[in-house]
Amino acid sequence: MSICGIIAPALYTIVVIVLSFLWSDYNPVAQAISELGGPDAPNAIIMNTVGFALTGILITAFAYGLHRGINEGRGSKIGPALVAVYGLGMVGVGLFPWDKANLASSATMMHSVFGWIHWIAITLAPLVIARRFKNDHKWKSYRLYGWATGLVTAVLIVIYLLTAAGAYGGVIQRMVVGAQLLWIEIMAIRLLRLSTQSST
């Protein structure tokens, strides 16, 4: 399961960067990531299936492994469940593409719902999981990072809400997503190292 958590952030990042370059009219500084999966995007199918849906499935699988890897699966399931919600929300985002030209469409509204659900879930997840780290010496040193990630992500989301329509909305959104995915990547790498150590 740790491999899923390692692959997911890298896969998502590569897809977003490559598709941004392939779309000559796309401006990543100002435009939202979701526009890469919109009806006008030249490679929308790749963004929605690989960038969103597949990444979400991998993160959902990783959530189970993370739960099992902290305190040997003992403790609150809320934190890992929030990670799973994040993954499933990303799948939902891919199933309902965002249409910038038709914000009142059912697909766009569902995209927004799934988008906010998964953002809120992954903002809370590091904070909640950090509490489980307290009772596991193998994870205890990651508590501060979990708290910092949750708080930084929350601040960035507020900034994004205030600047999404501005010239740097795309940059702020990428900072939010980057902080979220970096936390998943680091947790997955730690989980892999622990599983490798226990098997030797």
N, C-alpha and C. Protein backbone atom coordinates (compact mmCIF):
# COMPACT_ATOMS: atom_id res chain seq x y z
N MET A 1 0.81 -1.21 0.00
CA MET A 1 0.00 0.00 0.00
C MET A 1 0.85 1.28 0.00
N SER A 2 2.05 1.18 0.61
CA SER A 2 2.93 2.35 0.63
C SER A 2 3.33 2.77 -0.77
N ILE A 3 3.49 1.79 -1.66
CA ILE A 3 3.85 2.09 -3.04
C ILE A 3 2.79 2.95 -3.71
N CYS A 4 1.53 2.67 -3.40
CA CYS A 4 0.43 3.47 -3.96
C CYS A 4 0.57 4.93 -3.55
N GLY A 5 0.94 5.14 -2.28
CA GLY A 5 1.11 6.50 -1.79
C GLY A 5 2.32 7.20 -2.36
N ILE A 6 3.32 6.43 -2.74
CA ILE A 6 4.52 7.01 -3.36
C ILE A 6 4.25 7.37 -4.82
N ILE A 7 3.54 6.50 -5.51
CA ILE A 7 3.28 6.71 -6.94
C ILE A 7 2.29 7.85 -7.17
N ALA A 8 1.25 7.92 -6.35
CA ALA A 8 0.15 8.86 -6.60
C ALA A 8 0.58 10.32 -6.76
N PRO A 9 1.32 10.91 -5.80
CA PRO A 9 1.71 12.31 -5.96
C PRO A 9 2.58 12.54 -7.19
N ALA A 10 3.50 11.61 -7.46
CA ALA A 10 4.37 11.75 -8.62
C ALA A 10 3.57 11.67 -9.91
N LEU A 11 2.64 10.73 -9.97
CA LEU A 11 1.81 10.57 -11.16
C LEU A 11 1.00 11.83 -11.42
N TYR A 12 0.35 12.33 -10.39
CA TYR A 12 -0.48 13.53 -10.53
C TYR A 12 0.36 14.72 -11.00
N THR A 13 1.51 14.90 -10.37
CA THR A 13 2.38 16.03 -10.72
C THR A 13 2.84 15.96 -12.17
N ILE A 14 3.25 14.77 -12.60
CA ILE A 14 3.71 14.60 -13.98
C ILE A 14 2.60 14.90 -14.97
N VAL A 15 1.40 14.37 -14.70
CA VAL A 15 0.27 14.58 -15.61
C VAL A 15 -0.05 16.06 -15.72
N VAL A 16 -0.12 16.75 -14.59
CA VAL A 16 -0.45 18.18 -14.60
C VAL A 16 0.60 18.99 -15.36
N ILE A 17 1.86 18.72 -15.10
CA ILE A 17 2.93 19.47 -15.77
C ILE A 17 2.94 19.20 -17.27
N VAL A 18 2.86 17.94 -17.66
CA VAL A 18 2.90 17.60 -19.09
C VAL A 18 1.70 18.17 -19.83
N LEU A 19 0.51 18.02 -19.28
CA LEU A 19 -0.69 18.53 -19.96
C LEU A 19 -0.70 20.04 -20.02
N SER A 20 -0.11 20.69 -19.03
CA SER A 20 -0.02 22.15 -19.06
C SER A 20 0.86 22.61 -20.22
N PHE A 21 1.94 21.89 -20.46
CA PHE A 21 2.84 22.23 -21.57
C PHE A 21 2.21 21.92 -22.93
N LEU A 22 1.42 20.85 -22.98
CA LEU A 22 0.82 20.44 -24.25
C LEU A 22 -0.31 21.36 -24.70
N TRP A 23 -0.87 22.11 -23.78
CA TRP A 23 -1.97 23.03 -24.12
C TRP A 23 -1.38 24.43 -24.23
N SER A 24 -1.17 24.88 -25.43
CA SER A 24 -0.48 26.16 -25.66
C SER A 24 -1.23 27.36 -25.11
N ASP A 25 -2.56 27.27 -25.02
CA ASP A 25 -3.35 28.40 -24.54
C ASP A 25 -3.57 28.39 -23.03
N TYR A 26 -3.00 27.41 -22.36
CA TYR A 26 -3.22 27.26 -20.92
C TYR A 26 -2.17 28.04 -20.14
N ASN A 27 -2.62 28.76 -19.12
CA ASN A 27 -1.72 29.54 -18.27
C ASN A 27 -1.77 29.01 -16.83
N PRO A 28 -0.80 28.21 -16.44
CA PRO A 28 -0.82 27.60 -15.10
C PRO A 28 -0.71 28.61 -13.97
N VAL A 29 -0.24 29.79 -14.26
CA VAL A 29 -0.13 30.81 -13.22
C VAL A 29 -1.50 31.30 -12.79
N ALA A 30 -2.41 31.43 -13.75
CA ALA A 30 -3.73 31.98 -13.45
C ALA A 30 -4.85 30.95 -13.48
N GLN A 31 -4.72 29.91 -14.28
CA GLN A 31 -5.82 28.97 -14.47
C GLN A 31 -5.78 27.79 -13.50
N ALA A 32 -6.97 27.29 -13.18
CA ALA A 32 -7.10 26.17 -12.25
C ALA A 32 -6.68 24.86 -12.89
N ILE A 33 -6.24 23.93 -12.06
CA ILE A 33 -5.85 22.62 -12.53
C ILE A 33 -7.04 21.92 -13.18
N SER A 34 -8.22 22.12 -12.63
CA SER A 34 -9.43 21.47 -13.14
C SER A 34 -9.71 21.78 -14.60
N GLU A 35 -9.23 22.92 -15.07
CA GLU A 35 -9.45 23.28 -16.47
C GLU A 35 -8.75 22.32 -17.42
N LEU A 36 -7.73 21.62 -16.93
CA LEU A 36 -7.05 20.64 -17.77
C LEU A 36 -7.95 19.45 -18.09
N GLY A 37 -9.01 19.28 -17.29
CA GLY A 37 -9.97 18.21 -17.53
C GLY A 37 -11.29 18.70 -18.07
N GLY A 38 -11.37 19.99 -18.38
CA GLY A 38 -12.60 20.60 -18.90
C GLY A 38 -12.87 20.21 -20.33
N PRO A 39 -14.09 20.50 -20.82
CA PRO A 39 -14.48 20.10 -22.18
C PRO A 39 -13.66 20.75 -23.29
N ASP A 40 -13.02 21.87 -22.99
CA ASP A 40 -12.22 22.55 -24.02
C ASP A 40 -10.75 22.12 -24.00
N ALA A 41 -10.37 21.36 -23.00
CA ALA A 41 -8.96 20.94 -22.89
C ALA A 41 -8.65 19.86 -23.92
N PRO A 42 -7.51 19.96 -24.59
CA PRO A 42 -7.17 18.99 -25.64
C PRO A 42 -6.90 17.57 -25.13
N ASN A 43 -6.51 17.45 -23.88
CA ASN A 43 -6.20 16.12 -23.32
C ASN A 43 -6.99 15.87 -22.04
N ALA A 44 -8.25 16.28 -22.06
CA ALA A 44 -9.10 16.18 -20.87
C ALA A 44 -9.24 14.75 -20.37
N ILE A 45 -9.34 13.80 -21.28
CA ILE A 45 -9.54 12.41 -20.90
C ILE A 45 -8.37 11.90 -20.06
N ILE A 46 -7.16 12.35 -20.36
CA ILE A 46 -5.98 11.93 -19.60
C ILE A 46 -6.02 12.53 -18.20
N MET A 47 -6.38 13.82 -18.12
CA MET A 47 -6.44 14.47 -16.82
C MET A 47 -7.49 13.82 -15.92
N ASN A 48 -8.66 13.55 -16.50
CA ASN A 48 -9.77 13.04 -15.70
C ASN A 48 -9.59 11.57 -15.29
N THR A 49 -8.99 10.77 -16.17
CA THR A 49 -8.84 9.35 -15.85
C THR A 49 -7.55 9.04 -15.09
N VAL A 50 -6.44 9.59 -15.58
CA VAL A 50 -5.13 9.31 -14.96
C VAL A 50 -4.82 10.33 -13.86
N GLY A 51 -4.93 11.61 -14.20
CA GLY A 51 -4.59 12.66 -13.25
C GLY A 51 -5.47 12.66 -12.02
N PHE A 52 -6.77 12.56 -12.22
CA PHE A 52 -7.70 12.60 -11.10
C PHE A 52 -8.09 11.20 -10.59
N ALA A 53 -8.76 10.42 -11.44
CA ALA A 53 -9.34 9.15 -10.99
C ALA A 53 -8.30 8.14 -10.52
N LEU A 54 -7.30 7.87 -11.34
CA LEU A 54 -6.29 6.88 -10.97
C LEU A 54 -5.51 7.32 -9.74
N THR A 55 -5.14 8.60 -9.69
CA THR A 55 -4.44 9.12 -8.52
C THR A 55 -5.30 8.94 -7.28
N GLY A 56 -6.59 9.23 -7.40
CA GLY A 56 -7.50 9.09 -6.27
C GLY A 56 -7.61 7.66 -5.79
N ILE A 57 -7.65 6.72 -6.71
CA ILE A 57 -7.73 5.30 -6.34
C ILE A 57 -6.47 4.87 -5.59
N LEU A 58 -5.32 5.31 -6.07
CA LEU A 58 -4.05 4.97 -5.42
C LEU A 58 -3.99 5.55 -4.00
N ILE A 59 -4.47 6.77 -3.83
CA ILE A 59 -4.46 7.40 -2.51
C ILE A 59 -5.42 6.69 -1.57
N THR A 60 -6.56 6.27 -2.08
CA THR A 60 -7.53 5.54 -1.26
C THR A 60 -6.92 4.23 -0.76
N ALA A 61 -6.20 3.53 -1.63
CA ALA A 61 -5.53 2.29 -1.23
C ALA A 61 -4.45 2.58 -0.19
N PHE A 62 -3.73 3.66 -0.38
CA PHE A 62 -2.68 4.04 0.56
C PHE A 62 -3.25 4.32 1.95
N ALA A 63 -4.44 4.89 2.01
CA ALA A 63 -5.06 5.22 3.30
C ALA A 63 -5.18 3.99 4.19
N TYR A 64 -5.52 2.87 3.59
CA TYR A 64 -5.65 1.62 4.36
C TYR A 64 -4.29 1.19 4.90
N GLY A 65 -3.28 1.28 4.05
CA GLY A 65 -1.94 0.91 4.48
C GLY A 65 -1.42 1.82 5.58
N LEU A 66 -1.75 3.10 5.51
CA LEU A 66 -1.32 4.05 6.53
C LEU A 66 -1.96 3.70 7.87
N HIS A 67 -3.23 3.35 7.84
CA HIS A 67 -3.93 2.95 9.07
C HIS A 67 -3.25 1.75 9.70
N ARG A 68 -2.94 0.75 8.89
CA ARG A 68 -2.31 -0.47 9.40
C ARG A 68 -0.89 -0.20 9.90
N GLY A 69 -0.24 0.82 9.34
CA GLY A 69 1.15 1.07 9.67
C GLY A 69 1.39 1.91 10.90
N ILE A 70 0.33 2.53 11.45
CA ILE A 70 0.49 3.34 12.66
C ILE A 70 -0.04 2.55 13.85
N ASN A 71 0.80 2.35 14.86
CA ASN A 71 0.40 1.59 16.05
C ASN A 71 -0.14 0.21 15.68
N GLU A 72 0.37 -0.33 14.58
CA GLU A 72 -0.06 -1.65 14.10
C GLU A 72 -1.58 -1.71 13.90
N GLY A 73 -2.13 -0.59 13.45
CA GLY A 73 -3.56 -0.56 13.15
C GLY A 73 -4.45 -0.20 14.32
N ARG A 74 -3.85 0.03 15.49
CA ARG A 74 -4.64 0.38 16.66
C ARG A 74 -4.76 1.90 16.78
N GLY A 75 -5.93 2.36 17.12
CA GLY A 75 -6.15 3.80 17.28
C GLY A 75 -7.27 4.29 16.38
N SER A 76 -7.52 5.57 16.44
CA SER A 76 -8.61 6.17 15.69
C SER A 76 -8.44 5.95 14.18
N LYS A 77 -9.56 5.61 13.55
CA LYS A 77 -9.55 5.40 12.10
C LYS A 77 -9.92 6.67 11.34
N ILE A 78 -10.21 7.73 12.08
CA ILE A 78 -10.71 8.95 11.44
C ILE A 78 -9.67 9.55 10.50
N GLY A 79 -8.42 9.63 10.94
CA GLY A 79 -7.37 10.22 10.10
C GLY A 79 -7.19 9.49 8.78
N PRO A 80 -6.93 8.19 8.81
CA PRO A 80 -6.82 7.44 7.56
C PRO A 80 -8.09 7.50 6.73
N ALA A 81 -9.25 7.53 7.40
CA ALA A 81 -10.52 7.63 6.66
C ALA A 81 -10.60 8.95 5.90
N LEU A 82 -10.07 10.01 6.50
CA LEU A 82 -10.05 11.31 5.81
C LEU A 82 -9.14 11.26 4.59
N VAL A 83 -8.04 10.52 4.70
CA VAL A 83 -7.16 10.35 3.53
C VAL A 83 -7.91 9.60 2.43
N ALA A 84 -8.69 8.59 2.82
CA ALA A 84 -9.49 7.84 1.84
C ALA A 84 -10.54 8.73 1.21
N VAL A 85 -11.15 9.61 2.01
CA VAL A 85 -12.14 10.56 1.47
C VAL A 85 -11.48 11.48 0.45
N TYR A 86 -10.26 11.89 0.75
CA TYR A 86 -9.50 12.71 -0.19
C TYR A 86 -9.33 11.99 -1.52
N GLY A 87 -8.94 10.72 -1.44
CA GLY A 87 -8.76 9.94 -2.66
C GLY A 87 -10.05 9.75 -3.43
N LEU A 88 -11.11 9.39 -2.72
CA LEU A 88 -12.40 9.19 -3.38
C LEU A 88 -12.94 10.50 -3.94
N GLY A 89 -12.67 11.60 -3.24
CA GLY A 89 -13.08 12.91 -3.75
C GLY A 89 -12.38 13.25 -5.05
N MET A 90 -11.11 12.84 -5.15
CA MET A 90 -10.37 13.08 -6.39
C MET A 90 -10.95 12.26 -7.54
N VAL A 91 -11.40 11.05 -7.22
CA VAL A 91 -12.07 10.24 -8.24
C VAL A 91 -13.34 10.96 -8.71
N GLY A 92 -14.10 11.51 -7.77
CA GLY A 92 -15.31 12.24 -8.11
C GLY A 92 -15.03 13.45 -8.98
N VAL A 93 -13.94 14.13 -8.68
CA VAL A 93 -13.53 15.30 -9.48
C VAL A 93 -13.29 14.88 -10.93
N GLY A 94 -12.70 13.71 -11.11
CA GLY A 94 -12.45 13.22 -12.46
C GLY A 94 -13.71 12.77 -13.18
N LEU A 95 -14.67 12.26 -12.43
CA LEU A 95 -15.93 11.79 -13.04
C LEU A 95 -16.82 12.94 -13.48
N PHE A 96 -16.66 14.09 -12.82
CA PHE A 96 -17.49 15.26 -13.13
C PHE A 96 -16.59 16.43 -13.51
N PRO A 97 -16.22 16.53 -14.79
CA PRO A 97 -15.31 17.59 -15.25
C PRO A 97 -15.88 18.99 -15.00
N TRP A 98 -14.98 19.90 -14.75
CA TRP A 98 -15.34 21.30 -14.48
C TRP A 98 -15.39 22.08 -15.78
N ASP A 99 -16.54 22.68 -16.06
CA ASP A 99 -16.72 23.44 -17.29
C ASP A 99 -16.73 24.93 -16.95
N LYS A 100 -15.64 25.60 -17.24
CA LYS A 100 -15.51 27.02 -16.92
C LYS A 100 -16.56 27.86 -17.63
N ALA A 101 -17.00 27.41 -18.80
CA ALA A 101 -17.98 28.17 -19.57
C ALA A 101 -19.42 27.94 -19.11
N ASN A 102 -19.61 26.94 -18.27
CA ASN A 102 -20.96 26.63 -17.80
C ASN A 102 -20.91 26.24 -16.33
N LEU A 103 -20.75 27.23 -15.47
CA LEU A 103 -20.60 26.98 -14.04
C LEU A 103 -21.88 26.47 -13.39
N ALA A 104 -23.01 26.61 -14.09
CA ALA A 104 -24.29 26.17 -13.53
C ALA A 104 -24.62 24.73 -13.91
N SER A 105 -23.77 24.09 -14.70
CA SER A 105 -24.04 22.71 -15.11
C SER A 105 -23.93 21.77 -13.92
N SER A 106 -24.65 20.66 -13.99
CA SER A 106 -24.64 19.70 -12.88
C SER A 106 -23.24 19.11 -12.70
N ALA A 107 -22.53 18.87 -13.81
CA ALA A 107 -21.18 18.30 -13.73
C ALA A 107 -20.24 19.27 -13.00
N THR A 108 -20.33 20.56 -13.33
CA THR A 108 -19.47 21.56 -12.69
C THR A 108 -19.77 21.68 -11.20
N MET A 109 -21.05 21.66 -10.86
CA MET A 109 -21.43 21.76 -9.45
C MET A 109 -20.97 20.55 -8.66
N MET A 110 -21.11 19.36 -9.26
CA MET A 110 -20.64 18.14 -8.59
C MET A 110 -19.12 18.16 -8.45
N HIS A 111 -18.46 18.66 -9.47
CA HIS A 111 -17.00 18.79 -9.43
C HIS A 111 -16.59 19.66 -8.24
N SER A 112 -17.29 20.76 -8.06
CA SER A 112 -16.98 21.67 -6.95
C SER A 112 -17.24 21.01 -5.60
N VAL A 113 -18.34 20.27 -5.51
CA VAL A 113 -18.67 19.58 -4.26
C VAL A 113 -17.57 18.58 -3.90
N PHE A 114 -17.23 17.72 -4.86
CA PHE A 114 -16.17 16.73 -4.60
C PHE A 114 -14.83 17.42 -4.33
N GLY A 115 -14.59 18.51 -5.04
CA GLY A 115 -13.34 19.24 -4.86
C GLY A 115 -13.18 19.77 -3.45
N TRP A 116 -14.23 20.40 -2.93
CA TRP A 116 -14.14 20.96 -1.58
C TRP A 116 -14.13 19.88 -0.52
N ILE A 117 -14.88 18.80 -0.75
CA ILE A 117 -14.87 17.70 0.21
C ILE A 117 -13.47 17.13 0.34
N HIS A 118 -12.81 16.90 -0.78
CA HIS A 118 -11.50 16.26 -0.69
C HIS A 118 -10.43 17.23 -0.19
N TRP A 119 -10.58 18.51 -0.43
CA TRP A 119 -9.64 19.49 0.12
C TRP A 119 -9.77 19.59 1.63
N ILE A 120 -11.00 19.65 2.11
CA ILE A 120 -11.22 19.74 3.56
C ILE A 120 -10.72 18.48 4.25
N ALA A 121 -10.98 17.32 3.63
CA ALA A 121 -10.56 16.05 4.22
C ALA A 121 -9.04 15.98 4.39
N ILE A 122 -8.30 16.38 3.37
CA ILE A 122 -6.84 16.26 3.44
C ILE A 122 -6.22 17.38 4.26
N THR A 123 -6.97 18.43 4.52
CA THR A 123 -6.50 19.47 5.43
C THR A 123 -6.58 18.98 6.87
N LEU A 124 -7.66 18.26 7.18
CA LEU A 124 -7.86 17.74 8.53
C LEU A 124 -7.04 16.47 8.81
N ALA A 125 -6.82 15.66 7.78
CA ALA A 125 -6.16 14.37 7.96
C ALA A 125 -4.81 14.46 8.67
N PRO A 126 -3.89 15.32 8.24
CA PRO A 126 -2.58 15.38 8.93
C PRO A 126 -2.71 15.77 10.40
N LEU A 127 -3.68 16.63 10.71
CA LEU A 127 -3.88 17.07 12.09
C LEU A 127 -4.38 15.92 12.95
N VAL A 128 -5.32 15.15 12.41
CA VAL A 128 -5.90 14.04 13.16
C VAL A 128 -4.90 12.90 13.31
N ILE A 129 -4.23 12.59 12.22
CA ILE A 129 -3.26 11.49 12.26
C ILE A 129 -2.08 11.80 13.18
N ALA A 130 -1.73 13.08 13.28
CA ALA A 130 -0.63 13.48 14.16
C ALA A 130 -0.89 13.05 15.60
N ARG A 131 -2.15 12.97 16.00
CA ARG A 131 -2.50 12.54 17.36
C ARG A 131 -2.17 11.06 17.56
N ARG A 132 -2.32 10.26 16.51
CA ARG A 132 -1.98 8.84 16.62
C ARG A 132 -0.47 8.64 16.70
N PHE A 133 0.29 9.55 16.11
CA PHE A 133 1.74 9.45 16.15
C PHE A 133 2.28 9.53 17.58
N LYS A 134 1.53 10.18 18.46
CA LYS A 134 1.97 10.39 19.83
C LYS A 134 2.28 9.08 20.54
N ASN A 135 1.51 8.05 20.20
CA ASN A 135 1.66 6.77 20.88
C ASN A 135 2.45 5.74 20.08
N ASP A 136 3.15 6.21 19.05
CA ASP A 136 3.95 5.30 18.23
C ASP A 136 5.33 5.92 18.04
N HIS A 137 6.33 5.36 18.71
CA HIS A 137 7.67 5.96 18.66
C HIS A 137 8.26 5.97 17.25
N LYS A 138 7.75 5.10 16.39
CA LYS A 138 8.25 5.06 15.01
C LYS A 138 7.75 6.25 14.19
N TRP A 139 6.67 6.87 14.62
CA TRP A 139 6.07 7.97 13.89
C TRP A 139 6.10 9.29 14.67
N LYS A 140 6.51 9.23 15.92
CA LYS A 140 6.38 10.38 16.81
C LYS A 140 7.04 11.65 16.25
N SER A 141 8.17 11.49 15.57
CA SER A 141 8.90 12.64 15.04
C SER A 141 8.17 13.33 13.89
N TYR A 142 7.11 12.69 13.39
CA TYR A 142 6.37 13.27 12.26
C TYR A 142 5.16 14.07 12.72
N ARG A 143 4.94 14.16 14.02
CA ARG A 143 3.77 14.88 14.53
C ARG A 143 3.80 16.36 14.14
N LEU A 144 4.93 17.01 14.36
CA LEU A 144 5.04 18.44 14.07
C LEU A 144 4.81 18.71 12.59
N TYR A 145 5.34 17.84 11.76
CA TYR A 145 5.15 18.01 10.31
C TYR A 145 3.66 17.89 9.95
N GLY A 146 2.96 16.97 10.60
CA GLY A 146 1.53 16.81 10.35
C GLY A 146 0.76 18.05 10.73
N TRP A 147 1.05 18.59 11.89
CA TRP A 147 0.37 19.81 12.32
C TRP A 147 0.69 20.96 11.37
N ALA A 148 1.95 21.09 11.00
CA ALA A 148 2.36 22.18 10.12
C ALA A 148 1.66 22.08 8.76
N THR A 149 1.58 20.85 8.24
CA THR A 149 0.93 20.65 6.94
C THR A 149 -0.54 21.05 6.99
N GLY A 150 -1.24 20.61 8.04
CA GLY A 150 -2.65 20.95 8.17
C GLY A 150 -2.87 22.44 8.27
N LEU A 151 -2.06 23.12 9.08
CA LEU A 151 -2.22 24.55 9.29
C LEU A 151 -1.84 25.35 8.04
N VAL A 152 -0.73 24.96 7.41
CA VAL A 152 -0.30 25.67 6.19
C VAL A 152 -1.32 25.49 5.08
N THR A 153 -1.83 24.27 4.94
CA THR A 153 -2.84 24.01 3.92
C THR A 153 -4.09 24.84 4.16
N ALA A 154 -4.52 24.94 5.42
CA ALA A 154 -5.71 25.73 5.75
C ALA A 154 -5.50 27.20 5.38
N VAL A 155 -4.33 27.73 5.70
CA VAL A 155 -4.03 29.13 5.38
C VAL A 155 -4.02 29.35 3.87
N LEU A 156 -3.40 28.42 3.15
CA LEU A 156 -3.33 28.54 1.70
C LEU A 156 -4.71 28.47 1.05
N ILE A 157 -5.59 27.65 1.62
CA ILE A 157 -6.95 27.55 1.08
C ILE A 157 -7.68 28.88 1.26
N VAL A 158 -7.50 29.51 2.41
CA VAL A 158 -8.12 30.82 2.64
C VAL A 158 -7.60 31.84 1.64
N ILE A 159 -6.29 31.82 1.42
CA ILE A 159 -5.69 32.73 0.44
C ILE A 159 -6.24 32.43 -0.95
N TYR A 160 -6.40 31.14 -1.26
CA TYR A 160 -6.93 30.76 -2.57
C TYR A 160 -8.35 31.28 -2.75
N LEU A 161 -9.16 31.18 -1.73
CA LEU A 161 -10.54 31.67 -1.81
C LEU A 161 -10.57 33.17 -2.10
N LEU A 162 -9.59 33.87 -1.57
CA LEU A 162 -9.54 35.32 -1.74
C LEU A 162 -8.92 35.74 -3.07
N THR A 163 -8.15 34.82 -3.69
CA THR A 163 -7.41 35.21 -4.89
C THR A 163 -7.68 34.32 -6.10
N ALA A 164 -8.62 33.38 -6.00
CA ALA A 164 -8.83 32.41 -7.08
C ALA A 164 -9.12 33.06 -8.41
N ALA A 165 -9.80 34.18 -8.39
CA ALA A 165 -10.15 34.87 -9.64
C ALA A 165 -9.05 35.82 -10.08
N GLY A 166 -7.99 35.91 -9.30
CA GLY A 166 -6.92 36.84 -9.62
C GLY A 166 -5.89 36.27 -10.57
N ALA A 167 -4.85 37.04 -10.78
CA ALA A 167 -3.83 36.67 -11.76
C ALA A 167 -2.97 35.50 -11.30
N TYR A 168 -2.98 35.21 -10.00
CA TYR A 168 -2.11 34.15 -9.48
C TYR A 168 -2.92 33.01 -8.84
N GLY A 169 -4.18 32.88 -9.21
CA GLY A 169 -5.02 31.82 -8.66
C GLY A 169 -4.47 30.44 -8.90
N GLY A 170 -3.90 30.22 -10.08
CA GLY A 170 -3.34 28.91 -10.42
C GLY A 170 -2.14 28.57 -9.56
N VAL A 171 -1.33 29.56 -9.25
CA VAL A 171 -0.15 29.34 -8.41
C VAL A 171 -0.56 28.97 -6.99
N ILE A 172 -1.52 29.71 -6.43
CA ILE A 172 -1.97 29.43 -5.07
C ILE A 172 -2.58 28.04 -4.99
N GLN A 173 -3.39 27.68 -5.99
CA GLN A 173 -4.00 26.35 -5.98
C GLN A 173 -2.93 25.27 -6.01
N ARG A 174 -1.91 25.46 -6.80
CA ARG A 174 -0.84 24.47 -6.89
C ARG A 174 -0.04 24.39 -5.59
N MET A 175 0.04 25.47 -4.86
CA MET A 175 0.70 25.44 -3.56
C MET A 175 -0.11 24.61 -2.57
N VAL A 176 -1.44 24.75 -2.64
CA VAL A 176 -2.32 23.95 -1.78
C VAL A 176 -2.15 22.46 -2.10
N VAL A 177 -2.31 22.13 -3.36
CA VAL A 177 -2.21 20.73 -3.79
C VAL A 177 -0.82 20.18 -3.52
N GLY A 178 0.18 21.01 -3.74
CA GLY A 178 1.56 20.58 -3.50
C GLY A 178 1.80 20.20 -2.05
N ALA A 179 1.31 21.02 -1.13
CA ALA A 179 1.47 20.73 0.30
C ALA A 179 0.77 19.43 0.67
N GLN A 180 -0.41 19.22 0.10
CA GLN A 180 -1.19 18.00 0.38
C GLN A 180 -0.46 16.76 -0.13
N LEU A 181 -0.04 16.81 -1.37
CA LEU A 181 0.61 15.65 -1.98
C LEU A 181 1.98 15.37 -1.39
N LEU A 182 2.68 16.43 -0.98
CA LEU A 182 3.99 16.23 -0.36
C LEU A 182 3.84 15.47 0.96
N TRP A 183 2.80 15.79 1.72
CA TRP A 183 2.56 15.08 2.98
C TRP A 183 2.29 13.60 2.71
N ILE A 184 1.47 13.31 1.69
CA ILE A 184 1.19 11.92 1.34
C ILE A 184 2.47 11.20 0.91
N GLU A 185 3.28 11.87 0.12
CA GLU A 185 4.54 11.28 -0.35
C GLU A 185 5.46 10.93 0.82
N ILE A 186 5.61 11.86 1.74
CA ILE A 186 6.51 11.64 2.88
C ILE A 186 5.98 10.54 3.79
N MET A 187 4.67 10.52 4.02
CA MET A 187 4.08 9.46 4.84
C MET A 187 4.26 8.10 4.17
N ALA A 188 4.11 8.06 2.87
CA ALA A 188 4.23 6.80 2.13
C ALA A 188 5.67 6.28 2.16
N ILE A 189 6.62 7.19 2.01
CA ILE A 189 8.03 6.78 2.06
C ILE A 189 8.37 6.24 3.44
N ARG A 190 7.87 6.90 4.48
CA ARG A 190 8.11 6.42 5.85
C ARG A 190 7.47 5.05 6.06
N LEU A 191 6.27 4.88 5.55
CA LEU A 191 5.57 3.61 5.68
C LEU A 191 6.34 2.49 4.98
N LEU A 192 6.88 2.78 3.81
CA LEU A 192 7.66 1.79 3.07
C LEU A 192 8.92 1.41 3.85
N ARG A 193 9.60 2.40 4.40
CA ARG A 193 10.82 2.12 5.16
C ARG A 193 10.52 1.25 6.37
N LEU A 194 9.42 1.53 7.05
CA LEU A 194 9.07 0.75 8.23
C LEU A 194 8.72 -0.69 7.86
N SER A 195 7.99 -0.84 6.75
CA SER A 195 7.62 -2.19 6.33
C SER A 195 8.84 -2.98 5.87
N THR A 196 9.79 -2.28 5.26
CA THR A 196 11.03 -2.93 4.82
C THR A 196 11.86 -3.38 6.03
N GLN A 197 11.92 -2.52 7.05
CA GLN A 197 12.67 -2.85 8.25
C GLN A 197 12.07 -4.04 9.00
N SER A 198 10.75 -4.09 9.03
CA SER A 198 10.07 -5.17 9.77
C SER A 198 10.20 -6.51 9.06
N SER A 199 10.46 -6.47 7.75
CA SER A 199 10.55 -7.72 7.00
C SER A 199 11.97 -8.26 6.92
N THR A 200 12.94 -7.47 7.45
CA THR A 200 14.34 -7.91 7.42
C THR A 200 14.80 -8.40 8.79
